[in-house]
Amino acid sequence: MSQNYDEIIEPRENDEQRAARENRLRAAKISRRFSEIDRARIRPLAAIVAGAGTEDKSRLKALEEEAAQLRAELADMEDKDENN
């Protein structure tokens, strides 16, 4: 028997499969962070609408900048996936 028992039962993933799995995991993390950012926007937006939020504008700006970076990363991942 030339093959290891583990290799017969569970084949090893190749580099392409590993990269695809890692991209799916990163995309899922980005998606979860988008949800967190959306929830974090609620309080500052409510304060601004109520006229009580001064520092809340900077918090919203920081959240939007992070979301923009994540959108760019996700778009880059999707472009690379389409090209492969």
Protein backbone atom coordinates (compact mmCIF):
# COMPACT_ATOMS: atom_id res chain seq x y z
CA MET A 1 0.00 0.00 0.00
CA SER A 2 1.75 3.14 -1.22
CA GLN A 3 -0.75 5.74 -0.01
CA ASN A 4 -1.19 6.91 3.51
CA TYR A 5 -4.63 6.02 4.97
CA ASP A 6 -5.39 9.70 5.63
CA GLU A 7 -4.76 10.58 1.99
CA ILE A 8 -7.24 7.96 0.84
CA ILE A 9 -9.98 9.13 3.21
CA GLU A 10 -9.35 12.86 3.07
CA PRO A 11 -7.43 14.10 0.03
CA ARG A 12 -5.12 17.07 0.58
CA GLU A 13 -6.20 20.36 -0.89
CA ASN A 14 -4.00 21.92 -3.52
CA ASP A 15 -2.82 25.54 -3.50
CA GLU A 16 -5.73 26.73 -5.63
CA GLN A 17 -8.30 25.05 -3.38
CA ARG A 18 -6.60 26.46 -0.27
CA ALA A 19 -6.58 29.99 -1.75
CA ALA A 20 -10.26 29.69 -2.67
CA ARG A 21 -11.11 28.50 0.85
CA GLU A 22 -9.13 31.36 2.41
CA ASN A 23 -10.89 33.87 0.12
CA ARG A 24 -14.30 32.51 1.14
CA LEU A 25 -13.35 32.80 4.81
CA ARG A 26 -12.08 36.38 4.35
CA ALA A 27 -15.22 37.34 2.41
CA ALA A 28 -17.35 35.97 5.26
CA LYS A 29 -15.33 38.00 7.80
CA ILE A 30 -15.79 41.13 5.68
CA SER A 31 -19.52 40.48 5.48
CA ARG A 32 -19.73 40.13 9.27
CA ARG A 33 -17.78 43.36 9.71
CA PHE A 34 -20.18 45.16 7.33
CA SER A 35 -23.03 44.08 9.63
CA GLU A 36 -21.13 45.34 12.68
CA ILE A 37 -20.44 48.67 10.97
CA ASP A 38 -24.11 49.04 10.04
CA ARG A 39 -25.14 48.42 13.65
CA ALA A 40 -22.48 50.84 14.92
CA ARG A 41 -23.86 53.61 12.67
CA ILE A 42 -27.29 53.62 14.28
CA ARG A 43 -26.45 55.49 17.48
CA PRO A 44 -24.34 58.24 15.89
CA LEU A 45 -26.98 58.79 13.19
CA ALA A 46 -29.72 59.05 15.82
CA ALA A 47 -27.65 61.57 17.78
CA ILE A 48 -27.04 63.68 14.69
CA VAL A 49 -30.72 63.64 13.74
CA ALA A 50 -31.61 64.65 17.31
CA GLY A 51 -29.10 67.51 17.09
CA ALA A 52 -26.96 66.15 19.92
CA GLY A 53 -24.11 64.59 17.97
CA THR A 54 -20.96 66.56 17.40
CA GLU A 55 -18.24 63.91 17.69
CA ASP A 56 -20.63 61.42 16.11
CA LYS A 57 -19.87 62.79 12.63
CA SER A 58 -16.23 61.81 13.00
CA ARG A 59 -17.30 58.33 14.20
CA LEU A 60 -19.53 57.94 11.13
CA LYS A 61 -16.70 59.10 8.88
CA ALA A 62 -14.33 56.54 10.41
CA LEU A 63 -16.89 53.76 9.98
CA GLU A 64 -17.49 54.75 6.35
CA GLU A 65 -13.75 54.83 5.64
CA GLU A 66 -13.38 51.33 7.06
CA ALA A 67 -16.37 50.12 5.03
CA ALA A 68 -14.87 51.66 1.87
CA GLN A 69 -11.57 49.83 2.47
CA LEU A 70 -13.43 46.56 3.01
CA ARG A 71 -15.50 47.10 -0.16
CA ALA A 72 -12.30 47.67 -2.14
CA GLU A 73 -10.71 44.53 -0.68
CA LEU A 74 -13.82 42.50 -1.49
CA ALA A 75 -13.96 43.87 -5.05
CA ASP A 76 -10.28 43.02 -5.53
CA MET A 77 -10.89 39.48 -4.30
CA GLU A 78 -13.84 39.11 -6.68
CA ASP A 79 -11.80 40.45 -9.62
CA LYS A 80 -9.00 37.99 -8.92
CA ASP A 81 -11.55 35.16 -8.61
CA GLU A 82 -13.12 36.05 -11.98
CA ASN A 83 -9.71 36.14 -13.66
CA ASN A 84 -8.80 32.63 -12.48
